[in-house]
Protein backbone atom coordinates (compact mmCIF):
# COMPACT_ATOMS: atom_id res chain seq x y z
CA MET A 1 -84.48 -47.69 18.07
CA ILE A 2 -86.89 -45.50 20.63
CA THR A 3 -90.69 -46.87 20.11
CA MET A 4 -93.34 -44.98 21.35
CA PRO A 5 -96.54 -46.13 22.60
CA ALA A 6 -99.69 -46.37 19.81
CA ARG A 7 -101.89 -43.34 20.28
CA LYS A 8 -105.09 -45.56 20.32
CA PRO A 9 -106.11 -47.46 22.95
CA ARG A 10 -105.22 -51.16 22.45
CA ARG A 11 -106.04 -53.42 25.72
CA SER A 12 -104.00 -56.65 23.50
CA ALA A 13 -100.93 -53.94 23.34
CA ALA A 14 -100.78 -53.44 27.36
CA ALA A 15 -101.27 -57.12 27.93
CA THR A 16 -98.87 -58.87 26.05
CA ARG A 17 -96.42 -56.38 24.05
CA ARG A 18 -94.19 -58.50 21.33
CA THR A 19 -91.86 -55.66 21.50
CA PRO A 20 -90.50 -53.72 24.59
CA LEU A 21 -91.93 -50.17 25.70
CA LEU A 22 -89.19 -48.12 25.34
CA LEU A 23 -89.86 -44.10 26.53
CA ASP A 24 -87.64 -41.42 24.92
CA ARG A 25 -87.78 -38.31 27.66
CA ALA A 26 -87.33 -36.01 24.96
CA ALA A 27 -90.07 -37.11 22.41
CA LEU A 28 -92.49 -37.26 25.79
CA LYS A 29 -91.45 -33.70 26.34
CA ARG A 30 -92.38 -32.90 22.50
CA ARG A 31 -95.78 -34.21 22.59
CA LEU A 32 -96.44 -32.67 25.87
CA ALA A 33 -95.81 -29.51 24.22
CA ASP A 34 -97.37 -29.93 21.27
CA ASP A 35 -100.33 -31.68 21.74
CA THR A 36 -103.99 -31.25 23.43
CA TYR A 37 -105.05 -33.48 25.84
CA ASP A 38 -108.73 -34.28 27.16
CA VAL A 39 -107.18 -35.02 30.58
CA LEU A 40 -103.52 -34.05 32.33
CA VAL A 41 -103.21 -35.71 35.80
CA ILE A 42 -100.47 -34.19 37.96
CA GLY A 43 -99.02 -36.49 40.46
CA GLY A 44 -97.29 -39.71 40.11
CA GLY A 45 -98.18 -41.34 42.85
CA ILE A 46 -100.67 -44.89 43.00
CA THR A 47 -103.64 -42.85 42.82
CA GLY A 48 -102.49 -40.50 39.67
CA ALA A 49 -101.14 -43.75 37.84
CA TYR A 50 -104.28 -45.51 38.09
CA ALA A 51 -106.44 -42.25 36.80
CA VAL A 52 -104.21 -41.86 33.97
CA LEU A 53 -104.43 -45.45 33.01
CA ASP A 54 -108.15 -45.50 33.36
CA ALA A 55 -108.40 -42.25 31.28
CA ALA A 56 -106.39 -43.83 28.71
CA SER A 57 -108.30 -47.51 28.55
CA ARG A 58 -111.26 -45.21 28.12
CA GLY A 59 -110.05 -43.80 24.99
CA LEU A 60 -109.20 -40.42 26.39
CA ARG A 61 -105.93 -38.37 25.23
CA ALA A 62 -104.08 -38.66 28.50
CA ALA A 63 -101.30 -37.10 30.21
CA LEU A 64 -99.37 -37.55 33.94
CA ILE A 65 -96.75 -35.51 35.40
CA GLU A 66 -94.68 -35.96 38.31
CA LYS A 67 -92.46 -33.53 40.02
CA ASP A 68 -90.04 -36.08 40.81
CA ASP A 69 -90.30 -39.54 39.98
CA PHE A 70 -93.13 -41.96 39.75
CA ALA A 71 -94.03 -43.41 43.42
CA SER A 72 -91.42 -40.92 44.98
CA GLY A 73 -93.86 -39.83 47.69
CA THR A 74 -95.88 -41.62 49.85
CA SER A 75 -96.38 -44.41 47.15
CA SER A 76 -93.22 -45.94 47.46
CA LYS A 77 -93.03 -45.50 51.51
CA SER A 78 -96.20 -47.72 52.39
CA SER A 79 -96.67 -50.78 54.38
CA LYS A 80 -96.89 -52.56 50.97
CA MET A 81 -99.84 -54.30 51.93
CA VAL A 82 -102.51 -54.96 49.22
CA HIS A 83 -105.42 -55.68 52.33
CA GLY A 84 -108.82 -55.23 53.66
CA GLY A 85 -107.96 -53.88 56.74
CA LEU A 86 -109.16 -55.67 59.96
CA ARG A 87 -109.10 -52.38 61.37
CA TYR A 88 -111.66 -51.11 59.79
CA ILE A 89 -113.95 -53.98 60.58
CA GLU A 90 -113.44 -53.01 64.27
CA GLN A 91 -114.11 -49.06 63.16
CA GLY A 92 -117.63 -50.42 61.83
CA ASN A 93 -116.47 -49.57 58.20
CA VAL A 94 -117.69 -53.27 56.96
CA ASN A 95 -118.27 -51.50 53.65
CA LEU A 96 -114.50 -50.19 52.92
CA VAL A 97 -113.52 -53.90 53.92
CA ARG A 98 -116.18 -55.46 51.33
CA HIS A 99 -115.09 -52.85 48.69
CA SER A 100 -111.20 -53.32 49.49
CA LEU A 101 -111.08 -57.11 49.55
CA LEU A 102 -112.71 -57.15 46.03
CA GLU A 103 -110.09 -54.47 45.02
CA ARG A 104 -107.54 -56.78 46.77
CA HIS A 105 -109.11 -59.68 44.25
CA ARG A 106 -108.37 -57.48 40.88
CA PHE A 107 -104.86 -56.54 41.98
CA ARG A 108 -104.27 -60.24 42.07
CA LYS A 109 -105.56 -60.93 39.01
CA ASN A 110 -104.26 -58.09 37.18
CA ALA A 111 -101.10 -58.30 38.57
CA PRO A 112 -100.39 -61.96 39.43
CA HIS A 113 -96.36 -61.29 39.04
CA LEU A 114 -96.53 -58.23 41.67
CA VAL A 115 -99.51 -58.94 44.20
CA HIS A 116 -98.60 -62.13 46.18
CA ARG A 117 -100.75 -63.89 48.63
CA LEU A 118 -99.22 -62.81 52.48
CA PRO A 119 -100.00 -65.21 55.56
CA PHE A 120 -101.02 -62.89 58.67
CA LEU A 121 -100.28 -64.73 62.45
CA PHE A 122 -101.56 -63.12 65.73
CA PRO A 123 -100.03 -64.85 68.99
CA ILE A 124 -102.47 -65.38 71.44
CA LEU A 125 -100.52 -64.89 74.50
CA GLU A 126 -100.96 -65.49 78.34
CA LYS A 127 -99.75 -61.84 78.95
CA GLU A 128 -98.32 -58.73 77.22
CA GLY A 129 -100.07 -59.65 73.85
CA ILE A 130 -102.47 -57.75 71.70
CA PHE A 131 -105.03 -60.42 73.01
CA ASP A 132 -105.23 -62.97 75.58
CA ALA A 133 -107.33 -66.01 74.82
CA ARG A 134 -110.36 -64.64 76.31
CA LEU A 135 -109.92 -61.68 73.41
CA ALA A 136 -109.22 -64.05 70.44
CA LYS A 137 -112.71 -65.55 70.75
CA GLY A 138 -113.94 -62.02 69.67
CA PHE A 139 -111.21 -61.58 67.40
CA GLU A 140 -112.01 -64.51 65.29
CA GLY A 141 -115.32 -63.27 64.90
CA LEU A 142 -113.50 -60.20 63.24
CA LEU A 143 -111.92 -62.84 60.81
CA TRP A 144 -115.24 -64.63 60.42
CA THR A 145 -116.69 -61.43 59.26
CA TYR A 146 -113.27 -60.41 57.06
CA ASP A 147 -113.54 -63.81 55.18
CA LEU A 148 -117.01 -63.73 54.81
CA VAL A 149 -116.83 -60.26 53.43
CA GLY A 150 -114.54 -61.06 50.75
CA GLY A 151 -111.55 -62.61 51.92
CA TRP A 152 -112.32 -65.94 50.52
CA ARG A 153 -111.27 -65.07 47.50
CA ILE A 154 -107.64 -65.12 48.45
CA GLY A 155 -108.49 -69.18 48.30
CA LYS A 156 -107.72 -69.85 51.68
CA LEU A 157 -109.88 -69.23 55.26
CA HIS A 158 -108.19 -67.84 58.55
CA GLN A 159 -106.80 -70.87 61.09
CA ARG A 160 -106.39 -71.28 64.44
CA LEU A 161 -103.13 -72.22 65.08
CA THR A 162 -102.02 -74.67 68.01
CA VAL A 163 -98.06 -73.46 70.08
CA PRO A 164 -96.26 -75.49 67.77
CA GLU A 165 -97.54 -74.44 64.51
CA VAL A 166 -97.34 -70.75 65.28
CA LEU A 167 -93.53 -71.49 66.17
CA ALA A 168 -93.01 -73.53 62.88
CA GLN A 169 -94.09 -69.80 61.39
CA ALA A 170 -92.12 -67.91 63.59
CA PRO A 171 -89.46 -69.94 65.85
CA THR A 172 -87.97 -67.05 67.43
CA LEU A 173 -91.16 -66.09 69.32
CA ARG A 174 -91.15 -65.81 72.71
CA ALA A 175 -92.54 -69.43 73.89
CA GLU A 176 -93.27 -68.78 77.76
CA ASN A 177 -96.72 -66.76 77.57
CA LEU A 178 -97.86 -68.21 73.96
CA LYS A 179 -100.92 -69.91 74.34
CA GLY A 180 -101.65 -70.17 70.14
CA GLY A 181 -102.49 -68.32 67.20
CA LEU A 182 -104.68 -66.73 64.48
CA MET A 183 -103.85 -66.68 60.80
CA TYR A 184 -105.71 -65.08 58.05
CA PHE A 185 -104.53 -64.19 54.72
CA ASP A 186 -103.82 -60.93 52.58
CA ALA A 187 -101.57 -59.70 49.65
CA ARG A 188 -98.41 -57.63 49.46
CA THR A 189 -96.77 -55.70 46.51
CA ASP A 190 -93.40 -53.82 46.25
CA ASP A 191 -95.23 -50.81 45.87
CA ALA A 192 -92.79 -48.87 43.97
CA ARG A 193 -93.21 -51.04 41.15
CA LEU A 194 -96.38 -51.87 40.81
CA VAL A 195 -97.10 -47.79 40.79
CA LEU A 196 -94.53 -47.59 37.56
CA THR A 197 -96.06 -50.97 36.17
CA ILE A 198 -99.70 -49.28 35.90
CA ILE A 199 -97.89 -45.71 34.53
CA ARG A 200 -96.08 -47.88 32.03
CA THR A 201 -99.58 -49.86 31.29
CA ALA A 202 -101.20 -46.39 30.51
CA ALA A 203 -98.12 -45.20 28.11
CA ALA A 204 -98.59 -48.94 26.20
CA LEU A 205 -102.36 -47.38 25.74
CA GLY A 206 -100.98 -43.99 24.35
CA ALA A 207 -100.90 -42.22 27.34
CA THR A 208 -97.96 -39.56 27.39
CA VAL A 209 -96.27 -39.85 30.85
CA LEU A 210 -92.98 -37.78 32.21
CA ASN A 211 -91.39 -37.73 35.63
CA GLY A 212 -89.24 -34.79 36.70
CA ALA A 213 -91.57 -32.38 35.57
CA ARG A 214 -93.04 -29.71 38.00
CA ALA A 215 -96.28 -28.08 37.33
CA GLU A 216 -95.18 -24.17 38.51
CA GLY A 217 -98.65 -22.79 37.65
CA LEU A 218 -102.21 -23.61 36.09
CA LEU A 219 -103.07 -22.26 32.98
CA MET A 220 -106.40 -20.52 32.91
CA GLN A 221 -109.11 -19.87 29.99
CA MET A 222 -112.34 -18.07 30.73
CA GLY A 223 -111.77 -18.69 34.71
CA ARG A 224 -111.23 -22.49 34.01
CA VAL A 225 -108.32 -24.55 34.40
CA ALA A 226 -106.90 -25.27 30.88
CA GLY A 227 -103.57 -27.03 31.66
CA ALA A 228 -100.75 -26.35 33.37
CA ARG A 229 -97.31 -24.66 33.18
CA VAL A 230 -94.36 -27.25 33.56
CA SER A 231 -90.76 -27.15 34.17
CA ALA A 232 -88.61 -30.15 33.19
CA ASP A 233 -85.25 -30.78 32.59
CA GLY A 234 -84.55 -26.85 32.76
CA ASP A 235 -87.26 -26.44 29.96
CA THR A 236 -90.39 -24.40 30.43
CA ILE A 237 -93.92 -26.33 29.02
CA ASP A 238 -97.19 -25.46 28.47
CA ILE A 239 -99.22 -28.29 28.68
CA ARG A 240 -102.92 -27.76 27.18
CA ALA A 241 -105.83 -30.04 28.30
CA ARG A 242 -109.55 -29.59 28.65
CA ALA A 243 -109.20 -31.32 32.55
CA VAL A 244 -107.14 -31.28 35.06
CA VAL A 245 -106.43 -33.72 37.97
CA ASN A 246 -105.01 -33.09 41.42
CA ALA A 247 -103.55 -36.35 42.22
CA THR A 248 -100.87 -34.77 44.58
CA GLY A 249 -101.69 -36.54 47.57
CA VAL A 250 -100.13 -34.76 50.69
CA TRP A 251 -99.02 -31.74 48.32
CA THR A 252 -102.59 -31.17 47.32
CA ASP A 253 -103.61 -28.27 49.14
CA GLU A 254 -100.53 -26.70 47.69
CA LEU A 255 -101.65 -27.31 43.79
CA ASP A 256 -105.54 -26.78 44.63
CA ALA A 257 -104.53 -23.22 45.91
CA LYS A 258 -103.20 -22.36 42.76
CA ALA A 259 -106.35 -23.17 41.13
CA ASP A 260 -108.59 -21.36 43.96
CA ASP A 261 -107.01 -18.31 45.91
CA GLY A 262 -109.55 -18.96 48.53
CA HIS A 263 -108.89 -22.46 48.70
CA LYS A 264 -108.61 -23.91 52.65
CA PRO A 265 -106.26 -26.59 53.43
CA GLN A 266 -107.80 -29.96 53.46
CA VAL A 267 -105.23 -32.81 54.16
CA ARG A 268 -104.32 -34.00 57.52
CA PRO A 269 -100.94 -36.03 57.13
CA ALA A 270 -100.10 -39.32 58.72
CA LYS A 271 -96.74 -40.30 58.93
CA GLY A 272 -95.84 -44.17 58.47
CA VAL A 273 -92.29 -45.73 59.14
CA HIS A 274 -90.50 -48.94 58.35
CA ILE A 275 -86.94 -50.06 59.22
CA VAL A 276 -85.42 -53.47 58.09
CA VAL A 277 -83.54 -55.82 59.44
CA PRO A 278 -81.70 -59.12 58.37
CA TRP A 279 -83.95 -62.32 58.27
CA ASP A 280 -81.36 -64.42 59.77
CA LYS A 281 -81.94 -62.23 63.31
CA VAL A 282 -85.69 -63.08 63.61
CA ARG A 283 -86.62 -65.98 61.12
CA ILE A 284 -89.93 -65.39 60.59
CA ASN A 285 -92.18 -66.72 57.50
CA CYS A 286 -94.89 -64.66 57.37
CA THR A 287 -96.30 -61.54 58.98
CA VAL A 288 -96.38 -61.16 62.41
CA THR A 289 -98.62 -58.74 63.89
CA VAL A 290 -96.69 -57.73 67.40
CA PRO A 291 -97.85 -54.86 70.18
CA ILE A 292 -95.60 -51.67 70.96
CA PRO A 293 -95.26 -51.53 74.44
CA GLY A 294 -96.83 -48.42 76.25
CA ARG A 295 -98.94 -47.78 72.88
CA ALA A 296 -102.24 -48.66 71.43
CA ARG A 297 -101.10 -49.33 68.16
CA ARG A 298 -99.62 -52.35 66.28
CA ALA A 299 -96.42 -53.29 64.37
CA THR A 300 -95.87 -55.62 61.91
CA CYS A 301 -93.04 -57.77 61.04
CA THR A 302 -92.85 -58.81 57.39
CA ARG A 303 -90.18 -61.34 55.61
CA TRP A 304 -89.17 -60.09 52.26
CA GLY A 305 -86.51 -62.64 50.91
CA ASN A 306 -83.69 -62.36 53.75
CA SER A 307 -84.81 -59.31 54.90
CA VAL A 308 -87.33 -58.40 57.65
CA VAL A 309 -89.48 -55.03 57.46
CA LEU A 310 -90.94 -54.00 60.72
CA GLY A 311 -93.19 -50.85 60.40
CA THR A 312 -96.41 -49.01 62.02
CA THR A 313 -98.30 -46.27 60.56
CA ASP A 314 -100.61 -43.23 61.49
CA GLU A 315 -98.56 -40.68 63.80
CA ASP A 316 -99.82 -37.22 63.12
CA TYR A 317 -97.18 -35.12 61.32
CA GLN A 318 -96.24 -31.68 61.07
CA GLY A 319 -92.94 -30.96 59.09
CA SER A 320 -92.10 -30.81 55.76
CA PRO A 321 -93.99 -33.41 53.24
CA ASP A 322 -90.24 -33.08 51.21
CA ASP A 323 -88.18 -34.67 53.94
CA VAL A 324 -89.34 -37.05 55.84
CA HIS A 325 -87.87 -40.23 57.46
CA CYS A 326 -87.32 -42.37 60.25
CA THR A 327 -86.29 -41.02 63.65
CA ARG A 328 -84.21 -42.72 66.06
CA GLU A 329 -87.18 -42.41 68.50
CA GLU A 330 -89.24 -44.04 65.98
CA MET A 331 -86.44 -46.89 64.97
CA ASP A 332 -86.04 -47.37 68.92
CA PHE A 333 -89.67 -48.18 69.47
CA LEU A 334 -90.20 -50.31 66.35
CA LEU A 335 -86.94 -52.25 67.81
CA GLU A 336 -89.06 -52.29 71.38
CA GLY A 337 -91.37 -54.03 70.33
CA ALA A 338 -89.76 -56.72 68.27
CA ASN A 339 -87.46 -57.32 71.14
CA THR A 340 -90.46 -57.74 73.65
CA ALA A 341 -92.15 -60.17 70.88
CA PHE A 342 -88.81 -62.41 69.83
CA GLU A 343 -86.04 -64.20 71.39
CA GLY A 344 -82.44 -62.39 70.75
CA LYS A 345 -81.83 -58.62 70.79
CA LEU A 346 -81.98 -56.59 68.03
CA THR A 347 -79.94 -53.36 68.21
CA PRO A 348 -79.70 -49.90 65.75
CA ASP A 349 -76.54 -51.90 64.04
CA ASP A 350 -79.04 -54.39 62.23
CA VAL A 351 -80.84 -52.08 60.77
CA VAL A 352 -80.06 -51.99 57.21
CA GLY A 353 -82.53 -50.17 55.39
CA SER A 354 -85.52 -47.49 56.71
CA ILE A 355 -88.58 -45.47 54.90
CA GLY A 356 -90.90 -42.70 56.47
CA GLY A 357 -93.67 -41.84 54.59
CA LEU A 358 -96.96 -39.56 54.61
CA ARG A 359 -100.59 -40.91 54.20
CA PRO A 360 -102.99 -37.92 53.05
CA LEU A 361 -105.73 -38.04 55.06
CA VAL A 362 -108.49 -35.95 55.05
CA GLY A 363 -110.57 -34.30 58.22
CA GLY A 364 -110.32 -32.22 60.76
CA LYS A 365 -107.13 -31.46 63.44
CA GLU A 366 -108.62 -33.12 66.25
CA GLY A 367 -108.43 -36.74 67.30
CA ALA A 368 -105.94 -39.81 66.29
CA THR A 369 -105.13 -40.28 62.86
CA LEU A 370 -105.57 -43.82 63.97
CA ASP A 371 -109.14 -43.25 64.07
CA MET A 372 -109.90 -41.22 61.02
CA ARG A 373 -111.55 -42.94 58.25
CA ARG A 374 -109.87 -44.19 54.81
CA ASP A 375 -112.63 -43.21 52.43
CA HIS A 376 -111.30 -41.32 49.55
CA HIS A 377 -112.71 -37.89 48.52
CA ILE A 378 -113.02 -36.51 44.70
CA THR A 379 -114.29 -32.78 44.27
CA VAL A 380 -114.62 -30.57 41.50
CA GLY A 381 -113.53 -27.23 42.24
CA ARG A 382 -114.89 -23.91 41.46
CA THR A 383 -112.49 -23.14 38.18
CA GLY A 384 -113.17 -27.03 37.16
CA MET A 385 -110.04 -28.86 38.59
CA VAL A 386 -111.12 -32.28 39.69
CA THR A 387 -108.90 -33.56 42.90
CA VAL A 388 -108.64 -36.63 44.60
CA THR A 389 -107.39 -37.19 48.02
CA GLY A 390 -107.64 -39.89 50.90
CA GLY A 391 -108.12 -43.79 50.19
CA LYS A 392 -105.54 -46.23 50.36
CA LEU A 393 -103.38 -47.93 47.87
CA THR A 394 -105.89 -51.35 47.43
CA THR A 395 -108.58 -48.75 46.22
CA SER A 396 -106.63 -47.00 43.32
CA ARG A 397 -107.75 -48.62 40.71
CA HIS A 398 -111.54 -47.76 41.70
CA MET A 399 -110.61 -44.43 43.04
CA GLY A 400 -108.85 -43.78 39.32
CA GLU A 401 -112.57 -44.98 37.56
CA LEU A 402 -114.21 -42.52 39.75
CA VAL A 403 -111.83 -39.67 39.38
CA ILE A 404 -111.80 -40.46 35.23
CA ASP A 405 -115.91 -40.40 35.80
CA LYS A 406 -115.77 -36.77 37.26
CA VAL A 407 -113.56 -35.81 34.18
CA MET A 408 -116.07 -37.38 31.51
CA THR A 409 -118.76 -35.28 33.25
CA VAL A 410 -116.43 -32.26 33.09
CA LEU A 411 -115.75 -32.92 29.20
CA GLY A 412 -119.46 -33.60 28.63
CA ARG A 413 -118.62 -37.19 27.43
CA LYS A 414 -119.37 -40.85 28.34
CA GLY A 415 -117.63 -44.08 28.81
CA LYS A 416 -117.25 -46.67 31.23
CA SER A 417 -114.30 -47.60 32.88
CA ARG A 418 -112.25 -50.62 31.73
CA THR A 419 -109.43 -51.24 34.53
CA ALA A 420 -111.36 -53.85 36.54
CA ASP A 421 -110.16 -56.47 33.94
CA LEU A 422 -107.46 -54.81 32.43
CA PRO A 423 -104.05 -56.76 33.01
CA LEU A 424 -101.25 -54.89 33.46
CA LEU A 425 -97.85 -55.22 31.39
CA GLY A 426 -96.60 -58.46 32.36
CA GLY A 427 -99.45 -60.01 34.03
CA ALA A 428 -101.10 -61.65 31.27
CA GLY A 429 -100.22 -65.23 30.61
CA TYR A 430 -97.93 -64.78 33.72
CA ASP A 431 -97.61 -68.51 35.52
CA ALA A 432 -96.52 -68.14 39.11
CA GLU A 433 -95.54 -71.74 39.50
CA ALA A 434 -93.51 -72.02 36.42
CA VAL A 435 -91.48 -69.05 37.38
CA ALA A 436 -90.87 -70.06 40.76
CA ALA A 437 -89.65 -73.24 39.69
CA SER A 438 -87.22 -71.98 36.84
CA GLY A 439 -84.96 -70.19 39.80
CA GLY A 440 -82.32 -68.18 39.33
CA ILE A 441 -82.19 -64.58 37.47
CA ALA A 442 -85.11 -65.59 36.03
CA ALA A 443 -87.20 -66.16 38.61
CA HIS A 444 -86.05 -62.92 40.07
CA LEU A 445 -87.15 -60.96 36.97
CA GLY A 446 -90.58 -62.74 36.62
CA GLU A 447 -91.43 -61.84 40.23
CA ARG A 448 -90.17 -57.82 39.14
CA PHE A 449 -91.32 -57.92 35.25
CA GLY A 450 -94.22 -60.80 34.96
CA THR A 451 -94.13 -61.74 31.21
CA GLU A 452 -92.06 -58.52 30.26
CA ALA A 453 -89.19 -60.36 31.72
CA ARG A 454 -88.34 -61.83 28.43
CA PHE A 455 -87.04 -58.27 27.04
CA VAL A 456 -84.60 -57.95 29.97
CA GLY A 457 -83.31 -61.30 29.18
CA ASP A 458 -82.69 -60.34 25.57
CA LEU A 459 -80.27 -57.52 27.03
CA ILE A 460 -78.50 -60.48 28.97
CA GLN A 461 -78.40 -62.20 25.81
CA ASP A 462 -76.55 -59.74 23.73
CA ASP A 463 -74.34 -58.91 26.77
CA PRO A 464 -73.60 -61.82 29.15
CA ALA A 465 -71.50 -59.36 31.36
CA LEU A 466 -75.31 -57.66 32.29
CA ALA A 467 -75.99 -60.54 34.10
CA GLU A 468 -73.57 -59.40 37.31
CA PRO A 469 -75.41 -58.07 40.40
CA ILE A 470 -74.93 -54.44 40.42
CA VAL A 471 -75.75 -54.56 44.30
CA ALA A 472 -73.89 -56.85 46.46
CA GLY A 473 -75.88 -59.14 48.21
CA LEU A 474 -79.09 -58.57 46.11
CA PRO A 475 -80.37 -60.36 42.94
CA TYR A 476 -80.30 -57.05 40.86
CA THR A 477 -78.65 -57.24 37.45
CA LYS A 478 -76.95 -54.42 35.43
CA ALA A 479 -79.27 -55.54 32.89
CA GLU A 480 -81.89 -53.77 35.10
CA VAL A 481 -80.54 -50.51 35.45
CA VAL A 482 -79.93 -50.48 31.57
CA TYR A 483 -83.78 -51.62 31.15
CA ALA A 484 -84.72 -48.72 33.85
CA ALA A 485 -82.85 -46.00 31.41
CA ARG A 486 -84.39 -47.88 28.22
CA ALA A 487 -87.79 -48.51 29.31
CA GLU A 488 -88.27 -46.97 32.68
CA LEU A 489 -87.83 -43.32 32.65
CA ALA A 490 -84.75 -43.70 35.15
CA ARG A 491 -83.12 -40.21 35.71
CA SER A 492 -80.80 -40.77 38.45
CA VAL A 493 -78.78 -43.21 40.53
CA ASP A 494 -81.43 -42.60 43.40
CA ASP A 495 -84.29 -43.28 40.73
CA VAL A 496 -82.56 -46.70 40.14
CA LEU A 497 -81.57 -47.76 43.60
CA SER A 498 -84.86 -46.27 45.70
CA ARG A 499 -87.47 -47.66 43.02
CA ARG A 500 -86.53 -49.23 40.19
CA MET A 501 -85.02 -51.72 42.67
CA ARG A 502 -85.28 -51.53 46.18
CA ALA A 503 -81.71 -51.48 47.30
CA ARG A 504 -82.06 -48.21 49.57
CA LEU A 505 -84.55 -49.88 51.40
CA PHE A 506 -83.00 -53.24 51.47
CA ALA A 507 -79.33 -52.94 51.82
CA ARG A 508 -78.54 -48.99 52.11
CA ASP A 509 -74.96 -49.73 52.73
CA ALA A 510 -74.69 -51.99 50.19
CA SER A 511 -76.16 -49.52 47.69
CA VAL A 512 -73.89 -46.71 48.19
CA ASP A 513 -71.32 -49.02 47.23
CA ALA A 514 -73.12 -49.62 44.07
CA ALA A 515 -74.03 -45.69 43.67
CA GLU A 516 -70.94 -45.47 41.26
CA ALA A 517 -71.37 -48.43 38.92
CA VAL A 518 -75.42 -47.43 38.35
CA GLY A 519 -73.92 -44.25 37.82
CA ALA A 520 -71.65 -44.86 35.00
CA ILE A 521 -74.56 -46.96 32.97
CA LEU A 522 -77.02 -44.45 33.06
CA GLY A 523 -74.09 -41.68 32.04
CA GLN A 524 -73.75 -43.95 28.84
CA GLU A 525 -77.22 -44.96 28.51
CA LEU A 526 -78.80 -41.14 29.10
CA ASN A 527 -75.63 -39.47 27.20
CA LEU A 528 -74.42 -37.95 30.29
CA SER A 529 -71.27 -36.00 30.76
CA GLN A 530 -69.02 -37.11 33.62
CA ALA A 531 -69.79 -34.45 35.54
CA GLU A 532 -73.53 -34.85 35.50
CA ALA A 533 -73.38 -38.62 36.18
CA ASP A 534 -71.04 -37.92 39.26
CA ARG A 535 -73.49 -35.41 40.37
CA SER A 536 -76.35 -37.84 40.10
CA VAL A 537 -74.18 -39.95 42.33
CA ASP A 538 -72.88 -37.43 44.78
CA GLU A 539 -76.80 -36.58 45.22
CA TYR A 540 -77.36 -40.28 46.34
CA LEU A 541 -74.75 -40.51 48.52
CA ALA A 542 -75.92 -37.14 50.43
CA ALA A 543 -79.17 -38.50 50.77
CA VAL A 544 -78.49 -41.68 52.08
CA ARG A 545 -75.92 -39.55 54.69
CA HIS A 546 -79.16 -37.48 55.54
CA GLU A 547 -81.16 -40.69 56.21
CA LYS A 548 -78.73 -42.29 58.08
CA SER A 549 -78.49 -39.05 60.27
CA VAL A 550 -81.81 -39.12 61.29
CA LEU A 551 -82.06 -42.60 61.99
CA LEU A 552 -79.07 -43.22 63.82
CA GLU A 553 -78.03 -39.60 65.56
CA GLY A 554 -81.51 -38.13 66.21
CA ALA A 555 -81.00 -35.38 63.95
CA ALA A 556 -83.68 -33.03 62.70
CA ALA A 557 -85.74 -34.62 59.74
């Protein structure tokens, strides 16, 4: 039986549900067509997600649409760090760091199943490092500042490490120039699952949310934006709204131009790339920051289960925002950085997955994107549309709050944000130690769904065959594919393998082998014809082939 979220915001409904929140795509489209909303958020990334949650938690009738899939743009391709940002202290932006660390604390409190503490290690090297022993003293001063302005909330202060202590955390680090290390603590998250959980929490509070819904144009009334004309599944829907929010990230200028013919572009995309290699090739137990030879930047190497993610961010980007991938050149310099820092030899054959994404920075066209500020920008255009740009994942909750503050002004209404202390679905009552101790499937599901894992467990109890792995070498189960279709608005093989699971990133080739089985489950759950299910599989395989051709063959992205 399909259950729809209650229309009135109920905090307890979002925090601890007794029944699973199942989302019926057809019913959601009917509601979008029939209702008039206080606010329509366009864009299903992290910023739009928290904006619609903030609106719903204040009691506004709220909707969110996303042209592709939730988090399919920048918000599934970030560094996955929830952090204050040491670099911003170096830039003198201490206020951003202080606020980011407060928001990090709120994320860990409201989503303890999704946001986890992560140690960061800076090796101190005699030469060819990020800094030598002399510079390390100055850098430790930055770490003290970091701790004092809010880093302490994570429960640990930074530490100085001896050479043996460094090698205990990263035994494959080249030891010949090693003099010690500095370790501090931040947090990480599965960014795509975080976005999805925020959006589902909004739905539990009465918001109407839909992916695969493209805003083809804006509805106007007396010179003001009054909604959007949307295409979804071959249907055209006019969504009426008293206020509209543009939270489309690197596509912001495109939508702003539909609201105002005189709009001038404001967004400057900055590209970030990450590659994944097997853990046994590097064998680190934390995040290790290493230099990239010949470049004034750092790369991070982060353990993620049986994998290590290598990445860097903030290269200027001029290409299409709809086709962004890690290139051969970018992969090579990440491998070069890792091979300079670690023993052994990583090669392109060791790379099991990759991503490339764009951060929507706001500013001029001159200067390095690395030096641009990360403050967010919220404006109200002459036709009344609220536009939000800039910012970062860590401060997304506060950005959503400020966006809806602007919306309340547009609506002429009052009401305070409630999201600072609002648990996300699965977060209330979550016991991380108990989940970790449970082991096996229970621990795996708990770390992805929190207390909502019991609903996935119920599927397995009803049909034990759903406990079987769906992707070789990864812990994801067939039950999670079923749940993705019933409760998470997954429409395609790509939705499942790229974002509901992170199989495409952590085991790209194994995910290809699983695509047909995923397509078969989706076909059954979504009542797809065989041709439709086959098309979903074929589209996924083609997307992976293209990604690999850009990465390994240097083909144009």
